[in-house]
Protein backbone atom coordinates (compact mmCIF):
# COMPACT_ATOMS: atom_id res chain seq x y z
CA MET A 1 -13.71 -16.41 -2.42
CA PRO A 2 -11.00 -19.18 -2.57
CA SER A 3 -8.62 -18.99 0.75
CA TYR A 4 -5.19 -20.13 0.67
CA THR A 5 -4.33 -23.68 2.09
CA GLN A 6 -0.57 -24.52 2.50
CA PRO A 7 0.03 -27.56 0.33
CA GLN A 8 1.85 -30.80 1.59
CA THR A 9 5.54 -31.46 0.24
CA PHE A 10 5.09 -34.19 -2.46
CA GLU A 11 7.17 -37.14 -2.54
CA THR A 12 8.16 -39.57 -5.09
CA GLY A 13 5.75 -42.57 -5.78
CA GLN A 14 3.08 -40.67 -4.10
CA VAL A 15 -0.53 -41.14 -5.79
CA VAL A 16 -1.64 -37.47 -6.23
CA GLY A 17 -5.38 -37.28 -5.98
CA ARG A 18 -7.98 -34.47 -7.18
CA ALA A 19 -7.89 -32.92 -3.51
CA GLN A 20 -4.26 -32.19 -3.61
CA LEU A 21 -4.49 -30.99 -7.19
CA ASP A 22 -7.25 -28.68 -6.32
CA ILE A 23 -5.59 -26.95 -3.61
CA LEU A 24 -2.98 -26.07 -5.92
CA ARG A 25 -5.81 -24.74 -8.40
CA ASP A 26 -7.56 -22.81 -5.31
CA ASN A 27 -4.39 -21.18 -4.29
CA ASP A 28 -3.54 -19.92 -7.86
CA GLU A 29 -6.97 -18.29 -7.68
CA PHE A 30 -6.39 -16.76 -4.24
CA TRP A 31 -3.04 -15.28 -5.33
CA HIS A 32 -4.16 -13.99 -8.49
CA GLY A 33 -6.93 -12.26 -6.62
CA MET A 34 -4.35 -10.78 -4.33
CA ALA A 35 -2.13 -9.65 -7.03
CA TYR A 36 -5.21 -7.68 -8.57
CA ARG A 37 -6.00 -6.33 -5.06
CA TRP A 38 -7.13 -2.89 -4.40
CA GLN A 39 -4.27 -0.49 -3.76
CA PRO A 40 -4.66 2.70 -1.78
CA VAL A 41 -3.00 5.90 -2.99
CA LEU A 42 -0.58 6.39 0.07
CA ASN A 43 -0.86 9.80 1.68
CA THR A 44 2.40 11.44 2.08
CA MET A 45 0.75 15.01 2.78
CA SER A 46 3.62 17.32 4.57
CA SER A 47 2.76 19.84 7.21
CA ASP A 48 3.28 23.52 6.31
CA PRO A 49 5.92 25.43 8.08
CA LEU A 50 5.00 28.31 10.50
CA ALA A 51 7.03 31.45 11.11
CA GLY A 52 8.21 31.24 15.01
CA GLN A 53 8.81 27.46 15.06
CA THR A 54 12.41 26.29 15.74
CA THR A 55 11.38 22.65 14.59
CA LEU A 56 9.02 21.32 12.10
CA THR A 57 7.68 17.59 11.80
CA ALA A 58 6.68 17.56 8.41
CA TRP A 59 5.29 13.98 8.47
CA SER A 60 4.69 11.43 11.05
CA GLY A 61 3.25 8.05 10.79
CA TYR A 62 3.58 4.37 12.07
CA ILE A 63 5.04 1.47 10.12
CA TRP A 64 5.15 -2.32 11.05
CA ILE A 65 8.49 -3.82 10.97
CA ALA A 66 8.38 -7.96 10.59
CA SER A 67 11.45 -10.03 11.26
CA ASP A 68 11.37 -11.07 7.68
CA ALA A 69 11.11 -7.30 6.30
CA GLN A 70 14.01 -5.45 7.47
CA ARG A 71 15.17 -3.32 4.50
CA PHE A 72 14.01 0.28 4.50
CA TRP A 73 13.08 2.28 1.60
CA TYR A 74 12.40 6.17 1.32
CA GLU A 75 12.95 9.44 -0.61
CA TYR A 76 12.34 12.82 0.43
CA THR A 77 13.19 16.22 -1.06
CA ALA A 78 14.42 19.33 1.18
CA GLN A 79 14.93 22.91 0.38
CA GLY A 80 15.75 25.89 2.69
CA GLY A 81 13.81 28.79 2.56
CA SER A 82 15.36 32.11 3.94
CA ALA A 83 17.93 29.97 5.85
CA SER A 84 19.40 26.71 6.13
CA ILE A 85 17.75 23.65 7.74
CA THR A 86 18.78 20.34 9.20
CA THR A 87 16.86 17.47 8.26
CA TYR A 88 16.18 14.47 10.17
CA LEU A 89 14.18 11.06 9.26
CA THR A 90 14.00 9.43 12.53
CA LEU A 91 12.66 5.67 13.72
CA TYR A 92 10.96 5.66 17.17
CA GLN A 93 9.40 3.14 19.16
CA GLY A 94 5.56 2.63 19.28
CA ASP A 95 5.15 5.32 21.83
CA GLY A 96 6.38 7.94 19.14
CA THR A 97 8.96 9.65 21.65
CA THR A 98 11.74 7.09 22.31
CA ALA A 99 14.46 6.97 19.41
CA VAL A 100 15.30 3.32 18.30
CA GLY A 101 19.14 2.87 18.54
CA SER A 102 20.79 5.99 17.39
CA GLY A 103 17.52 7.19 16.02
CA ASN A 104 18.30 9.11 12.63
CA ILE A 105 17.99 7.00 9.66
CA LYS A 106 19.22 10.24 7.67
CA GLN A 107 20.53 13.46 8.97
CA ALA A 108 21.24 16.17 6.35
CA ALA A 109 22.01 19.84 6.42
CA VAL A 110 20.27 21.74 3.33
CA GLY A 111 21.13 25.21 2.34
CA THR A 112 18.84 27.85 0.47
CA GLY A 113 19.64 26.95 -2.95
CA ALA A 114 17.79 24.15 -5.08
CA ALA A 115 15.89 21.31 -3.72
CA VAL A 116 17.98 18.38 -2.74
CA THR A 117 16.78 14.70 -2.58
CA TYR A 118 17.82 12.05 -0.34
CA ASN A 119 17.10 8.19 -0.68
CA ALA A 120 17.49 4.85 -0.03
CA GLY A 121 19.63 4.01 -3.12
CA THR A 122 19.13 1.02 -5.07
CA THR A 123 19.35 -1.61 -2.16
CA GLY A 124 17.63 0.01 0.53
CA VAL A 125 18.57 0.69 4.09
CA ASP A 126 19.58 -2.14 6.61
CA LEU A 127 18.06 -0.61 9.87
CA ALA A 128 19.74 -2.91 12.16
CA SER A 129 23.16 -1.90 10.73
CA THR A 130 22.26 1.65 10.28
CA LEU A 131 20.70 2.26 13.68
CA GLY A 132 23.08 0.12 15.51
CA THR A 133 20.35 -2.18 17.29
CA THR A 134 18.31 -5.22 16.83
CA ILE A 135 14.78 -4.40 15.09
CA SER A 136 12.28 -6.32 16.64
CA ALA A 137 8.89 -7.00 15.07
CA GLY A 138 6.32 -4.68 15.97
CA LEU A 139 4.76 -1.17 15.52
CA TYR A 140 7.18 1.83 15.07
CA CYS A 141 6.68 5.47 14.68
CA LEU A 142 8.62 7.18 11.71
CA LYS A 143 9.04 11.19 11.45
CA LEU A 144 10.42 13.41 8.73
CA ARG A 145 11.50 16.75 10.71
CA CYS A 146 13.67 19.49 10.60
CA ALA A 147 15.40 22.23 12.58
CA LYS A 148 14.62 25.82 11.26
CA ASP A 149 15.02 29.41 11.56
CA THR A 150 12.29 30.98 13.41
CA ASN A 151 11.31 33.17 10.48
CA ASP A 152 11.71 30.73 7.72
CA ASP A 153 8.14 29.58 6.80
CA THR A 154 9.08 29.37 2.97
CA MET A 155 11.13 25.93 3.19
CA THR A 156 9.91 22.69 1.84
CA LEU A 157 10.15 19.10 3.18
CA ARG A 158 8.19 16.07 1.74
CA PHE A 159 8.35 12.54 0.95
CA THR A 160 8.33 11.83 -2.78
CA TYR A 161 7.18 8.18 -2.32
CA PRO A 162 5.87 6.50 0.36
CA PRO A 163 8.66 4.84 3.01
CA HIS A 164 8.27 1.19 3.42
CA MET A 165 9.87 -1.98 4.42
CA SER A 166 10.56 -4.81 1.91
CA TYR A 167 10.92 -8.65 2.30
CA THR A 168 14.18 -9.80 3.80
CA GLY A 169 13.43 -13.51 4.21
CA SER A 170 15.07 -16.68 3.04
CA LEU A 171 12.43 -18.11 0.89
CA THR A 172 12.66 -17.71 -2.97
CA TYR A 173 10.65 -17.93 -6.10
CA THR A 174 11.11 -21.31 -7.87
CA SER A 175 11.25 -20.94 -11.65
CA PRO A 176 8.17 -23.29 -12.52
CA PRO A 177 8.58 -26.52 -14.96
CA THR A 178 7.65 -26.82 -18.36
CA VAL A 179 5.31 -29.59 -18.78
CA THR A 180 4.61 -31.08 -22.21
CA ASP A 181 2.64 -33.85 -23.65
CA GLY A 182 4.09 -37.12 -22.95
CA ASN A 183 5.78 -36.10 -19.83
CA VAL A 184 6.15 -38.38 -16.84
CA SER A 185 5.26 -36.51 -13.74
CA SER A 186 7.81 -36.15 -10.95
CA ALA A 187 7.74 -34.79 -7.28
CA GLY A 188 9.84 -31.99 -8.37
CA HIS A 189 7.09 -30.74 -10.45
CA PHE A 190 4.71 -30.43 -7.70
CA ASN A 191 6.98 -29.48 -5.20
CA ALA A 192 7.96 -26.28 -7.47
CA TRP A 193 4.31 -25.44 -7.53
CA ARG A 194 3.79 -25.93 -3.81
CA ASN A 195 7.00 -23.90 -3.03
CA ASN A 196 5.84 -21.13 -4.94
CA ASP A 197 2.47 -21.06 -3.10
CA VAL A 198 4.41 -20.71 0.39
CA TYR A 199 6.59 -18.26 -1.12
CA PHE A 200 3.72 -16.32 -2.34
CA ALA A 201 1.93 -16.57 1.37
CA THR A 202 5.02 -15.25 2.80
CA ASN A 203 5.25 -12.10 0.27
CA SER A 204 1.60 -11.53 0.79
CA PRO A 205 1.17 -7.66 0.89
CA ARG A 206 -0.27 -6.21 4.09
CA GLN A 207 -3.58 -3.83 3.31
CA PRO A 208 -2.79 -0.74 4.64
CA ALA A 209 -5.41 1.98 5.32
CA PHE A 210 -6.28 4.95 3.04
CA ALA A 211 -5.83 8.14 4.95
CA GLY A 212 -8.07 10.69 3.75
CA ASN A 213 -8.60 14.33 4.51
CA ASP A 214 -11.49 16.72 5.38
CA VAL A 215 -10.52 20.43 4.45
CA ASP A 216 -12.30 23.83 4.43
CA ALA A 217 -10.16 25.71 2.06
CA LYS A 218 -9.06 29.00 3.28
CA VAL A 219 -6.94 30.03 0.07
CA ALA A 220 -7.77 30.46 -3.59
CA THR A 221 -6.21 27.04 -4.43
CA THR A 222 -5.56 24.13 -1.62
CA THR A 223 -4.20 20.85 -2.07
CA ILE A 224 -6.19 18.73 0.30
CA PHE A 225 -4.64 15.48 -0.34
CA ASP A 226 -1.19 14.66 -1.86
CA GLY A 227 0.19 10.97 -2.06
CA TYR A 228 1.86 8.51 -4.27
CA ARG A 229 0.90 4.96 -5.98
CA LEU A 230 2.95 2.69 -8.22
CA HIS A 231 1.19 2.97 -11.51
CA PHE A 232 -0.40 -0.53 -11.83
CA GLY A 233 -3.39 -0.78 -14.13
CA SER A 234 -5.69 1.75 -16.03
CA ARG A 235 -8.22 2.75 -13.41
CA LEU A 236 -8.39 5.05 -10.33
CA TYR A 237 -11.47 4.57 -8.19
CA TYR A 238 -12.35 7.55 -6.04
CA SER A 239 -15.05 8.90 -3.29
CA VAL A 240 -14.74 12.50 -2.76
CA ALA A 241 -17.44 14.87 -1.52
CA PHE A 242 -17.50 18.79 -2.27
CA LYS A 243 -19.58 21.41 -0.99
CA GLN A 244 -19.60 24.78 -3.11
CA ASN A 245 -20.12 27.79 -0.92
CA ILE A 246 -19.84 30.42 -3.88
CA ALA A 247 -19.88 30.37 -7.50
CA GLY A 248 -16.58 29.21 -9.23
CA GLU A 249 -15.39 26.78 -6.60
CA LYS A 250 -14.29 23.22 -7.56
CA LEU A 251 -12.52 20.14 -6.80
CA LYS A 252 -10.07 18.55 -8.85
CA ILE A 253 -8.27 15.00 -8.85
CA ILE A 254 -4.89 15.08 -10.91
CA TYR A 255 -2.80 11.96 -11.59
CA ASP A 256 0.94 12.11 -12.15
CA TYR A 257 0.98 15.53 -11.07
CA GLY A 258 4.01 17.19 -12.19
CA GLY A 259 5.01 14.34 -14.44
CA THR A 260 4.94 13.82 -18.17
CA GLY A 261 1.55 11.90 -18.15
CA GLU A 262 -0.40 14.62 -15.97
CA GLN A 263 -4.10 14.08 -16.40
CA THR A 264 -7.02 15.65 -14.75
CA LEU A 265 -9.22 12.59 -13.85
CA LEU A 266 -12.03 14.80 -12.06
CA GLU A 267 -12.99 18.29 -12.07
CA THR A 268 -16.22 19.36 -10.62
CA GLY A 269 -18.20 22.32 -8.91
CA THR A 270 -21.20 20.15 -8.23
CA THR A 271 -22.02 19.69 -4.42
CA GLY A 272 -22.27 16.37 -3.01
CA THR A 273 -20.45 13.00 -2.95
CA HIS A 274 -18.91 11.81 -6.12
CA THR A 275 -18.12 8.12 -6.36
CA SER A 276 -16.76 6.44 -9.51
CA TYR A 277 -13.54 5.56 -11.34
CA ALA A 278 -11.74 7.31 -14.01
CA THR A 279 -9.57 6.09 -16.86
CA ILE A 280 -5.91 6.78 -16.92
CA THR A 281 -4.83 7.30 -20.47
CA GLY A 282 -1.27 8.10 -21.85
CA THR A 283 1.85 6.30 -21.78
CA HIS A 284 3.07 5.16 -18.25
CA THR A 285 5.68 2.88 -17.12
CA TRP A 286 4.31 -0.05 -14.89
CA GLY A 287 5.72 0.11 -11.53
CA THR A 288 6.79 3.67 -11.47
CA TRP A 289 5.62 6.15 -8.75
CA LYS A 290 2.97 8.65 -9.61
CA ARG A 291 1.94 11.58 -7.51
CA VAL A 292 -1.70 11.94 -7.27
CA ILE A 293 -3.15 15.10 -5.71
CA VAL A 294 -6.64 16.66 -4.95
CA GLN A 295 -7.28 20.39 -4.98
CA LEU A 296 -9.78 22.75 -4.23
CA LEU A 297 -10.05 25.65 -6.70
CA ASN A 298 -11.26 29.09 -5.30
CA GLY A 299 -12.25 27.91 -2.13
CA GLY A 300 -15.08 25.66 -1.03
CA ASP A 301 -15.17 22.49 1.53
CA GLY A 302 -13.70 19.03 0.07
CA THR A 303 -13.40 15.69 1.76
CA VAL A 304 -11.40 12.66 0.15
CA ASN A 305 -12.99 9.59 1.39
CA TYR A 306 -10.47 7.35 -0.46
CA LEU A 307 -8.45 6.86 -3.81
CA TYR A 308 -7.82 3.16 -4.80
CA ALA A 309 -6.31 1.86 -7.86
CA HIS A 310 -6.18 -1.85 -9.24
CA PRO A 311 -5.96 -3.30 -12.78
CA GLN A 312 -8.57 -5.00 -14.63
CA ILE A 313 -8.34 -8.57 -16.27
CA GLY A 314 -7.00 -8.00 -19.66
CA ASP A 315 -5.28 -4.57 -18.47
CA GLU A 316 -1.78 -6.25 -18.07
CA ASP A 317 1.47 -5.03 -18.97
CA SER A 318 2.54 -5.61 -22.43
CA THR A 319 5.73 -7.47 -21.32
CA ASP A 320 3.70 -9.88 -19.13
CA PRO A 321 5.32 -13.41 -19.53
CA LYS A 322 2.31 -15.21 -19.17
CA THR A 323 -1.64 -14.71 -19.04
CA TYR A 324 -3.51 -16.09 -16.04
CA THR A 325 -5.95 -18.65 -16.85
CA ILE A 326 -8.73 -19.82 -14.56
CA MET A 327 -8.76 -23.51 -14.16
CA GLU A 328 -11.69 -25.66 -13.81
CA GLU A 329 -11.87 -28.02 -11.05
CA PHE A 330 -10.07 -31.55 -11.37
CA SER A 331 -12.17 -34.43 -11.81
CA VAL A 332 -11.91 -38.36 -11.35
CA ASP A 333 -10.06 -40.15 -14.40
CA GLN A 334 -9.18 -36.81 -16.06
CA TYR A 335 -6.04 -36.78 -18.21
CA LEU A 336 -3.50 -34.22 -16.76
CA PHE A 337 -1.11 -34.66 -19.65
CA GLY A 338 -0.54 -37.28 -22.28
CA SER A 339 -2.76 -38.31 -25.29
CA SER A 340 -6.10 -36.97 -24.25
CA THR A 341 -6.93 -34.15 -26.51
CA GLY A 342 -7.39 -30.85 -24.86
CA SER A 343 -6.00 -32.04 -21.42
CA SER A 344 -2.33 -32.05 -22.21
CA ASN A 345 -1.83 -28.56 -20.92
CA ARG A 346 -3.43 -28.90 -17.59
CA LEU A 347 -0.40 -29.23 -15.29
CA GLN A 348 1.56 -26.63 -17.61
CA LEU A 349 -1.30 -24.08 -16.48
CA PHE A 350 -0.07 -24.36 -13.04
CA SER A 351 3.57 -22.98 -14.31
CA ASP A 352 1.82 -20.28 -16.53
CA ASN A 353 -0.09 -18.90 -13.67
CA ASP A 354 2.81 -18.94 -11.22
CA ARG A 355 4.79 -17.08 -13.57
CA HIS A 356 1.86 -14.45 -13.95
CA ILE A 357 1.24 -14.08 -10.39
CA PHE A 358 5.04 -13.84 -9.41
CA LYS A 359 5.18 -10.83 -11.71
CA TYR A 360 2.22 -8.93 -10.25
CA LEU A 361 2.35 -9.79 -6.71
CA CYS A 362 6.03 -10.34 -5.80
CA THR A 363 8.56 -8.53 -8.30
CA SER A 364 10.30 -5.35 -7.29
CA ALA A 365 8.69 -3.48 -10.13
CA TYR A 366 5.20 -3.88 -8.75
CA VAL A 367 3.87 -3.68 -5.51
CA GLY A 368 4.92 -6.93 -3.94
CA ARG A 369 5.59 -7.49 -0.34
CA ARG A 370 5.97 -3.88 1.03
CA ASP A 371 5.03 -2.93 4.31
CA PHE A 372 3.94 0.64 3.99
CA ALA A 373 4.13 3.47 6.55
CA THR A 374 0.72 4.85 7.23
CA ARG A 375 0.18 8.48 8.30
CA SER A 376 -2.97 9.90 10.26
CA PRO A 377 -5.57 11.21 8.39
CA SER A 378 -5.17 14.62 9.71
CA TYR A 379 -2.69 17.18 9.18
CA THR A 380 -1.67 20.79 10.48
CA ASN A 381 -1.35 23.58 7.84
CA LEU A 382 -1.73 27.47 7.95
CA ALA A 383 -5.17 27.39 8.53
CA GLY A 384 -4.92 24.99 11.49
CA THR A 385 -5.77 21.25 11.93
CA ASP A 386 -7.91 19.50 9.66
CA SER A 387 -9.16 15.89 9.85
CA GLY A 388 -10.26 12.50 7.84
CA GLU A 389 -10.87 9.03 8.11
CA PHE A 390 -9.19 5.68 7.62
CA ARG A 391 -10.75 3.65 4.75
CA LEU A 392 -10.09 0.08 4.00
CA VAL A 393 -11.04 -2.51 1.56
CA ARG A 394 -11.34 -5.83 3.35
CA ARG A 395 -9.00 -8.28 2.20
CA TYR A 396 -7.56 -10.20 5.34
CA ASP A 397 -9.21 -11.52 8.53
CA THR A 398 -6.70 -9.44 11.04
CA LEU A 399 -6.77 -5.65 11.64
CA TYR A 400 -3.89 -4.14 13.22
CA TYR A 401 -4.38 -0.45 14.66
CA ARG A 402 -3.44 2.20 16.90
CA THR A 403 -6.44 4.54 17.70
CA ALA A 404 -8.06 6.48 20.39
CA GLY A 405 -11.93 6.64 20.34
CA GLY A 406 -11.97 4.57 17.42
CA ILE A 407 -14.94 3.34 15.68
CA LEU A 408 -14.94 0.84 12.96
CA GLU A 409 -18.27 1.36 10.68
CA TRP A 410 -19.52 -0.67 7.59
CA GLY A 411 -22.94 -1.30 5.82
CA ASP A 412 -25.91 0.85 6.64
CA ASP A 413 -25.67 1.06 10.31
CA GLN A 414 -23.17 -1.19 11.71
CA SER A 415 -20.07 -0.47 13.85
CA GLN A 416 -17.72 -1.94 16.25
CA SER A 417 -15.56 0.11 19.10
CA LEU A 418 -12.11 -0.50 18.88
CA THR A 419 -9.97 -0.55 21.95
CA ASP A 420 -7.71 2.62 22.74
CA TYR A 421 -3.86 2.01 22.53
CA THR A 422 -1.95 2.35 25.88
CA THR A 423 1.37 3.46 27.10
CA THR A 424 2.40 -0.43 27.19
CA ASP A 425 0.12 -1.55 24.30
CA HIS A 426 1.17 0.41 21.16
CA TYR A 427 -1.33 -1.39 19.04
CA GLN A 428 -4.44 -3.49 18.95
CA THR A 429 -5.67 -6.31 16.96
CA LEU A 430 -9.34 -7.14 15.75
CA ASP A 431 -10.76 -10.51 14.30
CA LEU A 432 -12.53 -9.17 11.43
CA ALA A 433 -13.99 -12.48 10.60
CA GLY A 434 -16.06 -12.19 13.78
CA LEU A 435 -17.92 -9.04 12.39
CA THR A 436 -21.20 -9.95 10.68
CA GLY A 437 -21.68 -8.61 7.22
CA LEU A 438 -17.93 -7.21 6.74
CA HIS A 439 -17.36 -9.44 3.74
CA TYR A 440 -14.32 -9.45 1.65
CA GLY A 441 -14.16 -6.70 -0.81
CA THR A 442 -16.39 -4.40 1.53
CA VAL A 443 -15.18 -0.77 1.95
CA TYR A 444 -15.29 0.09 5.64
CA LYS A 445 -13.89 3.05 7.56
CA ILE A 446 -12.39 4.17 11.06
CA THR A 447 -13.14 7.40 12.69
CA GLY A 448 -11.92 8.73 16.11
CA SER A 449 -10.52 11.46 18.19
CA GLU A 450 -6.90 10.12 17.12
CA LEU A 451 -6.26 7.68 14.26
CA LEU A 452 -2.71 6.60 13.97
CA TYR A 453 -2.32 3.31 12.06
CA ALA A 454 -4.58 0.88 10.64
CA ALA A 455 -3.73 -1.98 8.25
CA GLU A 456 -4.87 -5.48 7.59
CA MET A 457 -2.42 -8.45 7.80
CA PRO A 458 -2.41 -12.20 6.88
């Protein structure tokens, strides 16, 4: 597959050869592929409240905070049951116990009435200002929790989209030039395309792990996965396993759960692993959060291996400013623009492709540079603790992770042991390029006794 190469800065009077042009061409292919990458449905499953508890950690996960991504986004709903509760959204150091600065990003008392929603507003949260301390780059722990009455096991507390950081660096997108027949090339044209390549590299999204669940249902209807994705394309790829213990038990995947476009993507009572994709129909606004749940109906055993989505070529938003064109390699003595029939728009394709890539890779309506928090693929409910695995589709060469007893598995029988985290080393890294047979696009899994965080990064 094409790889990214940072282009040189172009200067007036420079002779531009096909090698420099092909770097721009190859970069467009790379960023187009990145914009159309597989995107996991992020797990926002909350733990159920138990009678007798005075505190509840409804959601706990880890988030990578980079020096150029310091704005935090969240939204959660809370509702007291038989008594009022106080909710806390708290950031901890990588050890999971030491609060960062003042600790609480949000603290709010909630009564027993209707559910209340709290969020980061339209501009996000400046963590350094809110917590009163400098936020160094690294791995942090995020918890959504509450103090509660010991007998209150009916309250609710859950995220309504996955918490994440967004890019706050200094680079900006350059509106690319319009190139027409008869133009004289300038360094400004080429530097606009070059600068956008550097901007795309800086805004390249991290690839978070999918955190799946493995559940033995204890009640008639059990939600075994609850998560969100930004609507972006018309297909949802899934791998789920189901075991029917008695007649009438089923597994069900529901898209846009509770929304106006709610759709059942899969409902099956057949024992075995089901790996396929479903087409999402109806009217959905691109870039809006969609809730995706998996349920066991009437009991049964279910495993959610992965839920991924990505658009297809030709599946673009109807408001797309430009379509993407795959360019042939440049050749010696080729006209870039001018009097040669059919060649006058070759450089204009760089501009058209930049506009298309920018929309699907970087703008706020789509995923862009959002560094998502990742929770463990296990959670505690009324029936006890259930477990799962991390799954990733390889995109980058470096895996960041926090596990104990972790094993990375791919192919038919290939595996790599992972280094445990320690009290001083809160995360580890692994060079994926050194693993034979783990090619780009390969789905691999991580198992272990403690799975806390996994994400690929450029």
